[in-house]
Amino acid sequence: MSTVFIAFQRTDEVRAIVEAIMQDNPGAQLDEQPGMVKVNAAGRLVVKRATVEEKLGRDFDLQEMHVHLITLSGNIDEDDDQFVLAWKH
């Protein structure tokens, strides 16, 4: 199974986003660096708007995530409620 990942600049807002990602993707692995945080997952990684809103305590548009994004690996499938990374074979 191929690995996908998403990497963000390390900020206070990203902390909540990453907490949400880790909650919704139990098999994901967290790689924390001084200036960035990267989440790796086998096969598929999902970012759910509702979970991020719960962690942030406010409304959240998934497009806001792109402001903090450094890089990612995988094919993107995105709508208003979730952002999914997966390799389509």
PDB file of N, CA and C in Angstrom:
ATOM      1  N   MET A   1       0.842  -1.178   0.000  1.00  0.00           N
ATOM      2  CA  MET A   1       0.000   0.000   0.000  1.00  0.00           C
ATOM      3  C   MET A   1       0.889   1.243   0.000  1.00  0.00           C
ATOM      4  N   SER A   2       0.559   2.208  -0.830  1.00  0.00           N
ATOM      5  CA  SER A   2       1.339   3.430  -0.952  1.00  0.00           C
ATOM      6  C   SER A   2       1.046   4.389   0.197  1.00  0.00           C
ATOM      7  N   THR A   3       2.041   5.184   0.527  1.00  0.00           N
ATOM      8  CA  THR A   3       1.901   6.163   1.605  1.00  0.00           C
ATOM      9  C   THR A   3       1.547   7.527   1.032  1.00  0.00           C
ATOM     10  N   VAL A   4       0.637   8.215   1.698  1.00  0.00           N
ATOM     11  CA  VAL A   4       0.317   9.606   1.382  1.00  0.00           C
ATOM     12  C   VAL A   4       0.758  10.449   2.569  1.00  0.00           C
ATOM     13  N   PHE A   5       0.964  11.745   2.328  1.00  0.00           N
ATOM     14  CA  PHE A   5       1.310  12.622   3.446  1.00  0.00           C
ATOM     15  C   PHE A   5       0.869  14.041   3.175  1.00  0.00           C
ATOM     16  N   ILE A   6       0.786  14.811   4.256  1.00  0.00           N
ATOM     17  CA  ILE A   6       0.520  16.237   4.187  1.00  0.00           C
ATOM     18  C   ILE A   6       1.418  16.917   5.205  1.00  0.00           C
ATOM     19  N   ALA A   7       2.045  18.026   4.809  1.00  0.00           N
ATOM     20  CA  ALA A   7       2.969  18.746   5.688  1.00  0.00           C
ATOM     21  C   ALA A   7       2.542  20.208   5.791  1.00  0.00           C
ATOM     22  N   PHE A   8       2.571  20.719   7.012  1.00  0.00           N
ATOM     23  CA  PHE A   8       2.158  22.094   7.308  1.00  0.00           C
ATOM     24  C   PHE A   8       3.268  22.856   8.016  1.00  0.00           C
ATOM     25  N   GLN A   9       3.213  24.184   7.896  1.00  0.00           N
ATOM     26  CA  GLN A   9       4.039  25.043   8.744  1.00  0.00           C
ATOM     27  C   GLN A   9       3.532  24.851  10.166  1.00  0.00           C
ATOM     28  N   ARG A  10       4.423  24.932  11.119  1.00  0.00           N
ATOM     29  CA  ARG A  10       4.032  24.754  12.522  1.00  0.00           C
ATOM     30  C   ARG A  10       3.475  26.081  13.052  1.00  0.00           C
ATOM     31  N   THR A  11       2.149  26.098  13.296  1.00  0.00           N
ATOM     32  CA  THR A  11       1.474  27.269  13.857  1.00  0.00           C
ATOM     33  C   THR A  11       0.454  26.796  14.891  1.00  0.00           C
ATOM     34  N   ASP A  12      -0.105  27.722  15.644  1.00  0.00           N
ATOM     35  CA  ASP A  12      -1.126  27.366  16.629  1.00  0.00           C
ATOM     36  C   ASP A  12      -2.357  26.772  15.953  1.00  0.00           C
ATOM     37  N   GLU A  13      -2.781  27.357  14.837  1.00  0.00           N
ATOM     38  CA  GLU A  13      -3.954  26.846  14.136  1.00  0.00           C
ATOM     39  C   GLU A  13      -3.698  25.444  13.587  1.00  0.00           C
ATOM     40  N   VAL A  14      -2.499  25.202  13.092  1.00  0.00           N
ATOM     41  CA  VAL A  14      -2.149  23.886  12.557  1.00  0.00           C
ATOM     42  C   VAL A  14      -2.203  22.825  13.654  1.00  0.00           C
ATOM     43  N   ARG A  15      -1.892  23.187  14.859  1.00  0.00           N
ATOM     44  CA  ARG A  15      -1.957  22.223  15.963  1.00  0.00           C
ATOM     45  C   ARG A  15      -3.361  21.608  16.035  1.00  0.00           C
ATOM     46  N   ALA A  16      -4.393  22.430  15.915  1.00  0.00           N
ATOM     47  CA  ALA A  16      -5.773  21.936  15.952  1.00  0.00           C
ATOM     48  C   ALA A  16      -6.098  21.101  14.712  1.00  0.00           C
ATOM     49  N   ILE A  17      -5.622  21.535  13.557  1.00  0.00           N
ATOM     50  CA  ILE A  17      -5.854  20.784  12.322  1.00  0.00           C
ATOM     51  C   ILE A  17      -5.226  19.396  12.427  1.00  0.00           C
ATOM     52  N   VAL A  18      -4.003  19.334  12.920  1.00  0.00           N
ATOM     53  CA  VAL A  18      -3.305  18.049  13.050  1.00  0.00           C
ATOM     54  C   VAL A  18      -3.989  17.165  14.092  1.00  0.00           C
ATOM     55  N   GLU A  19      -4.457  17.730  15.184  1.00  0.00           N
ATOM     56  CA  GLU A  19      -5.198  16.946  16.170  1.00  0.00           C
ATOM     57  C   GLU A  19      -6.423  16.311  15.517  1.00  0.00           C
ATOM     58  N   ALA A  20      -7.113  17.065  14.682  1.00  0.00           N
ATOM     59  CA  ALA A  20      -8.291  16.543  13.988  1.00  0.00           C
ATOM     60  C   ALA A  20      -7.903  15.427  13.021  1.00  0.00           C
ATOM     61  N   ILE A  21      -6.829  15.630  12.278  1.00  0.00           N
ATOM     62  CA  ILE A  21      -6.364  14.609  11.334  1.00  0.00           C
ATOM     63  C   ILE A  21      -6.018  13.326  12.074  1.00  0.00           C
ATOM     64  N   MET A  22      -5.303  13.440  13.170  1.00  0.00           N
ATOM     65  CA  MET A  22      -4.893  12.258  13.923  1.00  0.00           C
ATOM     66  C   MET A  22      -6.108  11.535  14.517  1.00  0.00           C
ATOM     67  N   GLN A  23      -7.107  12.279  14.932  1.00  0.00           N
ATOM     68  CA  GLN A  23      -8.329  11.664  15.477  1.00  0.00           C
ATOM     69  C   GLN A  23      -9.065  10.886  14.390  1.00  0.00           C
ATOM     70  N   ASP A  24      -9.159  11.441  13.200  1.00  0.00           N
ATOM     71  CA  ASP A  24      -9.928  10.818  12.120  1.00  0.00           C
ATOM     72  C   ASP A  24      -9.147   9.766  11.333  1.00  0.00           C
ATOM     73  N   ASN A  25      -7.852   9.661  11.562  1.00  0.00           N
ATOM     74  CA  ASN A  25      -6.992   8.707  10.855  1.00  0.00           C
ATOM     75  C   ASN A  25      -6.136   7.955  11.868  1.00  0.00           C
ATOM     76  N   PRO A  26      -6.711   6.986  12.581  1.00  0.00           N
ATOM     77  CA  PRO A  26      -6.009   6.318  13.678  1.00  0.00           C
ATOM     78  C   PRO A  26      -4.679   5.670  13.301  1.00  0.00           C
ATOM     79  N   GLY A  27      -4.485   5.267  12.061  1.00  0.00           N
ATOM     80  CA  GLY A  27      -3.236   4.643  11.655  1.00  0.00           C
ATOM     81  C   GLY A  27      -2.175   5.626  11.188  1.00  0.00           C
ATOM     82  N   ALA A  28      -2.494   6.906  11.192  1.00  0.00           N
ATOM     83  CA  ALA A  28      -1.552   7.930  10.710  1.00  0.00           C
ATOM     84  C   ALA A  28      -0.380   8.082  11.679  1.00  0.00           C
ATOM     85  N   GLN A  29       0.754   8.496  11.119  1.00  0.00           N
ATOM     86  CA  GLN A  29       1.952   8.725  11.925  1.00  0.00           C
ATOM     87  C   GLN A  29       2.327  10.204  11.844  1.00  0.00           C
ATOM     88  N   LEU A  30       2.673  10.759  12.972  1.00  0.00           N
ATOM     89  CA  LEU A  30       3.019  12.170  13.078  1.00  0.00           C
ATOM     90  C   LEU A  30       4.528  12.333  13.087  1.00  0.00           C
ATOM     91  N   ASP A  31       5.027  13.242  12.258  1.00  0.00           N
ATOM     92  CA  ASP A  31       6.453  13.560  12.186  1.00  0.00           C
ATOM     93  C   ASP A  31       6.590  15.058  12.451  1.00  0.00           C
ATOM     94  N   GLU A  32       7.036  15.410  13.669  1.00  0.00           N
ATOM     95  CA  GLU A  32       7.148  16.810  14.056  1.00  0.00           C
ATOM     96  C   GLU A  32       8.588  17.296  13.903  1.00  0.00           C
ATOM     97  N   GLN A  33       8.748  18.398  13.216  1.00  0.00           N
ATOM     98  CA  GLN A  33      10.042  19.034  12.995  1.00  0.00           C
ATOM     99  C   GLN A  33       9.977  20.450  13.588  1.00  0.00           C
ATOM    100  N   PRO A  34      11.119  21.114  13.744  1.00  0.00           N
ATOM    101  CA  PRO A  34      11.079  22.458  14.323  1.00  0.00           C
ATOM    102  C   PRO A  34      10.179  23.452  13.583  1.00  0.00           C
ATOM    103  N   GLY A  35      10.139  23.428  12.259  1.00  0.00           N
ATOM    104  CA  GLY A  35       9.360  24.407  11.511  1.00  0.00           C
ATOM    105  C   GLY A  35       8.153  23.836  10.800  1.00  0.00           C
ATOM    106  N   MET A  36       7.964  22.528  10.909  1.00  0.00           N
ATOM    107  CA  MET A  36       6.840  21.914  10.209  1.00  0.00           C
ATOM    108  C   MET A  36       6.348  20.682  10.945  1.00  0.00           C
ATOM    109  N   VAL A  37       5.160  20.266  10.547  1.00  0.00           N
ATOM    110  CA  VAL A  37       4.588  19.023  11.062  1.00  0.00           C
ATOM    111  C   VAL A  37       4.045  18.271   9.852  1.00  0.00           C
ATOM    112  N   LYS A  38       4.345  16.975   9.798  1.00  0.00           N
ATOM    113  CA  LYS A  38       3.965  16.138   8.660  1.00  0.00           C
ATOM    114  C   LYS A  38       3.177  14.947   9.174  1.00  0.00           C
ATOM    115  N   VAL A  39       2.095  14.618   8.472  1.00  0.00           N
ATOM    116  CA  VAL A  39       1.283  13.464   8.820  1.00  0.00           C
ATOM    117  C   VAL A  39       1.361  12.478   7.657  1.00  0.00           C
ATOM    118  N   ASN A  40       1.810  11.259   7.951  1.00  0.00           N
ATOM    119  CA  ASN A  40       1.918  10.180   6.965  1.00  0.00           C
ATOM    120  C   ASN A  40       0.819   9.156   7.235  1.00  0.00           C
ATOM    121  N   ALA A  41       0.284   8.578   6.155  1.00  0.00           N
ATOM    122  CA  ALA A  41      -0.731   7.540   6.311  1.00  0.00           C
ATOM    123  C   ALA A  41      -0.605   6.535   5.179  1.00  0.00           C
ATOM    124  N   ALA A  42      -0.862   5.293   5.493  1.00  0.00           N
ATOM    125  CA  ALA A  42      -0.839   4.250   4.476  1.00  0.00           C
ATOM    126  C   ALA A  42      -2.154   4.282   3.708  1.00  0.00           C
ATOM    127  N   GLY A  43      -2.056   4.516   2.411  1.00  0.00           N
ATOM    128  CA  GLY A  43      -3.213   4.424   1.530  1.00  0.00           C
ATOM    129  C   GLY A  43      -4.111   5.631   1.413  1.00  0.00           C
ATOM    130  N   ARG A  44      -4.550   6.195   2.551  1.00  0.00           N
ATOM    131  CA  ARG A  44      -5.569   7.249   2.513  1.00  0.00           C
ATOM    132  C   ARG A  44      -5.468   8.111   3.768  1.00  0.00           C
ATOM    133  N   LEU A  45      -5.708   9.413   3.593  1.00  0.00           N
ATOM    134  CA  LEU A  45      -5.718  10.341   4.714  1.00  0.00           C
ATOM    135  C   LEU A  45      -6.889  11.303   4.509  1.00  0.00           C
ATOM    136  N   VAL A  46      -7.698  11.495   5.548  1.00  0.00           N
ATOM    137  CA  VAL A  46      -8.891  12.336   5.452  1.00  0.00           C
ATOM    138  C   VAL A  46      -8.797  13.484   6.451  1.00  0.00           C
ATOM    139  N   VAL A  47      -9.134  14.690   5.976  1.00  0.00           N
ATOM    140  CA  VAL A  47      -9.281  15.858   6.847  1.00  0.00           C
ATOM    141  C   VAL A  47     -10.762  16.218   6.811  1.00  0.00           C
ATOM    142  N   LYS A  48     -11.431  16.099   7.952  1.00  0.00           N
ATOM    143  CA  LYS A  48     -12.866  16.385   8.022  1.00  0.00           C
ATOM    144  C   LYS A  48     -13.090  17.771   8.608  1.00  0.00           C
ATOM    145  N   ARG A  49     -13.866  18.561   7.885  1.00  0.00           N
ATOM    146  CA  ARG A  49     -14.166  19.927   8.318  1.00  0.00           C
ATOM    147  C   ARG A  49     -14.789  19.932   9.719  1.00  0.00           C
ATOM    148  N   ALA A  50     -15.738  19.056   9.963  1.00  0.00           N
ATOM    149  CA  ALA A  50     -16.432  19.033  11.258  1.00  0.00           C
ATOM    150  C   ALA A  50     -15.473  18.781  12.418  1.00  0.00           C
ATOM    151  N   THR A  51     -14.521  17.889  12.229  1.00  0.00           N
ATOM    152  CA  THR A  51     -13.567  17.587  13.298  1.00  0.00           C
ATOM    153  C   THR A  51     -12.626  18.764  13.531  1.00  0.00           C
ATOM    154  N   VAL A  52     -12.176  19.408  12.455  1.00  0.00           N
ATOM    155  CA  VAL A  52     -11.313  20.589  12.602  1.00  0.00           C
ATOM    156  C   VAL A  52     -12.080  21.688  13.327  1.00  0.00           C
ATOM    157  N   GLU A  53     -13.345  21.898  12.976  1.00  0.00           N
ATOM    158  CA  GLU A  53     -14.155  22.916  13.661  1.00  0.00           C
ATOM    159  C   GLU A  53     -14.277  22.613  15.150  1.00  0.00           C
ATOM    160  N   GLU A  54     -14.455  21.355  15.479  1.00  0.00           N
ATOM    161  CA  GLU A  54     -14.544  20.936  16.886  1.00  0.00           C
ATOM    162  C   GLU A  54     -13.257  21.283  17.633  1.00  0.00           C
ATOM    163  N   LYS A  55     -12.122  21.012  17.010  1.00  0.00           N
ATOM    164  CA  LYS A  55     -10.821  21.273  17.653  1.00  0.00           C
ATOM    165  C   LYS A  55     -10.515  22.768  17.735  1.00  0.00           C
ATOM    166  N   LEU A  56     -10.895  23.520  16.694  1.00  0.00           N
ATOM    167  CA  LEU A  56     -10.623  24.966  16.673  1.00  0.00           C
ATOM    168  C   LEU A  56     -11.635  25.763  17.505  1.00  0.00           C
ATOM    169  N   GLY A  57     -12.848  25.213  17.635  1.00  0.00           N
ATOM    170  CA  GLY A  57     -13.900  25.935  18.352  1.00  0.00           C
ATOM    171  C   GLY A  57     -14.524  27.040  17.526  1.00  0.00           C
ATOM    172  N   ARG A  58     -14.475  26.897  16.197  1.00  0.00           N
ATOM    173  CA  ARG A  58     -15.076  27.901  15.301  1.00  0.00           C
ATOM    174  C   ARG A  58     -15.337  27.260  13.943  1.00  0.00           C
ATOM    175  N   ASP A  59     -16.074  27.977  13.099  1.00  0.00           N
ATOM    176  CA  ASP A  59     -16.295  27.509  11.734  1.00  0.00           C
ATOM    177  C   ASP A  59     -14.962  27.456  11.004  1.00  0.00           C
ATOM    178  N   PHE A  60     -14.840  26.514  10.080  1.00  0.00           N
ATOM    179  CA  PHE A  60     -13.593  26.332   9.342  1.00  0.00           C
ATOM    180  C   PHE A  60     -13.912  25.947   7.908  1.00  0.00           C
ATOM    181  N   ASP A  61     -13.361  26.692   6.974  1.00  0.00           N
ATOM    182  CA  ASP A  61     -13.454  26.372   5.550  1.00  0.00           C
ATOM    183  C   ASP A  61     -12.183  25.606   5.206  1.00  0.00           C
ATOM    184  N   LEU A  62     -12.300  24.428   4.621  1.00  0.00           N
ATOM    185  CA  LEU A  62     -11.115  23.620   4.319  1.00  0.00           C
ATOM    186  C   LEU A  62     -10.104  24.358   3.447  1.00  0.00           C
ATOM    187  N   GLN A  63     -10.537  25.367   2.711  1.00  0.00           N
ATOM    188  CA  GLN A  63      -9.607  26.153   1.903  1.00  0.00           C
ATOM    189  C   GLN A  63      -8.601  26.902   2.782  1.00  0.00           C
ATOM    190  N   GLU A  64      -8.964  27.194   4.029  1.00  0.00           N
ATOM    191  CA  GLU A  64      -8.049  27.859   4.963  1.00  0.00           C
ATOM    192  C   GLU A  64      -6.796  27.021   5.213  1.00  0.00           C
ATOM    193  N   MET A  65      -6.936  25.720   5.096  1.00  0.00           N
ATOM    194  CA  MET A  65      -5.827  24.801   5.340  1.00  0.00           C
ATOM    195  C   MET A  65      -4.667  25.070   4.382  1.00  0.00           C
ATOM    196  N   HIS A  66      -4.985  25.515   3.168  1.00  0.00           N
ATOM    197  CA  HIS A  66      -3.961  25.736   2.149  1.00  0.00           C
ATOM    198  C   HIS A  66      -2.972  26.845   2.529  1.00  0.00           C
ATOM    199  N   VAL A  67      -3.389  27.760   3.376  1.00  0.00           N
ATOM    200  CA  VAL A  67      -2.506  28.852   3.825  1.00  0.00           C
ATOM    201  C   VAL A  67      -1.309  28.298   4.596  1.00  0.00           C
ATOM    202  N   HIS A  68      -1.520  27.193   5.296  1.00  0.00           N
ATOM    203  CA  HIS A  68      -0.492  26.601   6.147  1.00  0.00           C
ATOM    204  C   HIS A  68       0.254  25.444   5.485  1.00  0.00           C
ATOM    205  N   LEU A  69      -0.214  25.036   4.328  1.00  0.00           N
ATOM    206  CA  LEU A  69       0.303  23.858   3.636  1.00  0.00           C
ATOM    207  C   LEU A  69       1.692  24.091   3.052  1.00  0.00           C
ATOM    208  N   ILE A  70       2.596  23.136   3.284  1.00  0.00           N
ATOM    209  CA  ILE A  70       3.927  23.172   2.664  1.00  0.00           C
ATOM    210  C   ILE A  70       3.933  22.271   1.439  1.00  0.00           C
ATOM    211  N   THR A  71       3.531  21.020   1.618  1.00  0.00           N
ATOM    212  CA  THR A  71       3.510  20.064   0.518  1.00  0.00           C
ATOM    213  C   THR A  71       2.606  18.899   0.883  1.00  0.00           C
ATOM    214  N   LEU A  72       2.297  18.099  -0.123  1.00  0.00           N
ATOM    215  CA  LEU A  72       1.508  16.899   0.110  1.00  0.00           C
ATOM    216  C   LEU A  72       1.852  15.872  -0.951  1.00  0.00           C
ATOM    217  N   SER A  73       1.454  14.638  -0.697  1.00  0.00           N
ATOM    218  CA  SER A  73       1.704  13.545  -1.628  1.00  0.00           C
ATOM    219  C   SER A  73       0.447  12.698  -1.720  1.00  0.00           C
ATOM    220  N   GLY A  74      -0.096  12.572  -2.919  1.00  0.00           N
ATOM    221  CA  GLY A  74      -1.306  11.804  -3.153  1.00  0.00           C
ATOM    222  C   GLY A  74      -2.242  12.576  -4.043  1.00  0.00           C
ATOM    223  N   ASN A  75      -3.238  11.900  -4.560  1.00  0.00           N
ATOM    224  CA  ASN A  75      -4.265  12.548  -5.355  1.00  0.00           C
ATOM    225  C   ASN A  75      -5.286  13.156  -4.415  1.00  0.00           C
ATOM    226  N   ILE A  76      -5.746  14.353  -4.740  1.00  0.00           N
ATOM    227  CA  ILE A  76      -6.679  15.090  -3.882  1.00  0.00           C
ATOM    228  C   ILE A  76      -8.109  14.911  -4.363  1.00  0.00           C
ATOM    229  N   ASP A  77      -9.005  14.635  -3.426  1.00  0.00           N
ATOM    230  CA  ASP A  77     -10.442  14.636  -3.661  1.00  0.00           C
ATOM    231  C   ASP A  77     -11.012  15.535  -2.569  1.00  0.00           C
ATOM    232  N   GLU A  78     -11.553  16.676  -2.964  1.00  0.00           N
ATOM    233  CA  GLU A  78     -11.928  17.687  -1.975  1.00  0.00           C
ATOM    234  C   GLU A  78     -13.337  18.206  -2.235  1.00  0.00           C
ATOM    235  N   ASP A  79     -14.098  18.382  -1.159  1.00  0.00           N
ATOM    236  CA  ASP A  79     -15.381  19.069  -1.236  1.00  0.00           C
ATOM    237  C   ASP A  79     -15.507  19.956   0.001  1.00  0.00           C
ATOM    238  N   ASP A  80     -16.688  20.477   0.263  1.00  0.00           N
ATOM    239  CA  ASP A  80     -16.856  21.391   1.395  1.00  0.00           C
ATOM    240  C   ASP A  80     -16.685  20.722   2.754  1.00  0.00           C
ATOM    241  N   ASP A  81     -16.863  19.393   2.814  1.00  0.00           N
ATOM    242  CA  ASP A  81     -16.854  18.690   4.096  1.00  0.00           C
ATOM    243  C   ASP A  81     -15.591  17.893   4.397  1.00  0.00           C
ATOM    244  N   GLN A  82     -14.831  17.542   3.355  1.00  0.00           N
ATOM    245  CA  GLN A  82     -13.614  16.771   3.612  1.00  0.00           C
ATOM    246  C   GLN A  82     -12.592  16.944   2.504  1.00  0.00           C
ATOM    247  N   PHE A  83     -11.357  16.703   2.887  1.00  0.00           N
ATOM    248  CA  PHE A  83     -10.195  16.768   2.012  1.00  0.00           C
ATOM    249  C   PHE A  83      -9.544  15.393   2.120  1.00  0.00           C
ATOM    250  N   VAL A  84      -9.473  14.658   1.004  1.00  0.00           N
ATOM    251  CA  VAL A  84      -8.972  13.286   1.033  1.00  0.00           C
ATOM    252  C   VAL A  84      -7.736  13.179   0.147  1.00  0.00           C
ATOM    253  N   LEU A  85      -6.696  12.564   0.694  1.00  0.00           N
ATOM    254  CA  LEU A  85      -5.485  12.226  -0.080  1.00  0.00           C
ATOM    255  C   LEU A  85      -5.443  10.720  -0.234  1.00  0.00           C
ATOM    256  N   ALA A  86      -5.249  10.263  -1.456  1.00  0.00           N
ATOM    257  CA  ALA A  86      -5.114   8.822  -1.723  1.00  0.00           C
ATOM    258  C   ALA A  86      -4.464   8.656  -3.088  1.00  0.00           C
ATOM    259  N   TRP A  87      -3.798   7.543  -3.288  1.00  0.00           N
ATOM    260  CA  TRP A  87      -3.239   7.242  -4.608  1.00  0.00           C
ATOM    261  C   TRP A  87      -4.274   6.466  -5.381  1.00  0.00           C
ATOM    262  N   LYS A  88      -4.610   6.964  -6.550  1.00  0.00           N
ATOM    263  CA  LYS A  88      -5.561   6.254  -7.431  1.00  0.00           C
ATOM    264  C   LYS A  88      -4.757   5.432  -8.413  1.00  0.00           C
ATOM    265  N   HIS A  89      -4.925   4.141  -8.351  1.00  0.00           N
ATOM    266  CA  HIS A  89      -4.144   3.243  -9.209  1.00  0.00           C
ATOM    267  C   HIS A  89      -4.918   2.867 -10.435  1.00  0.00           C
TER     268      HIS A  89
END
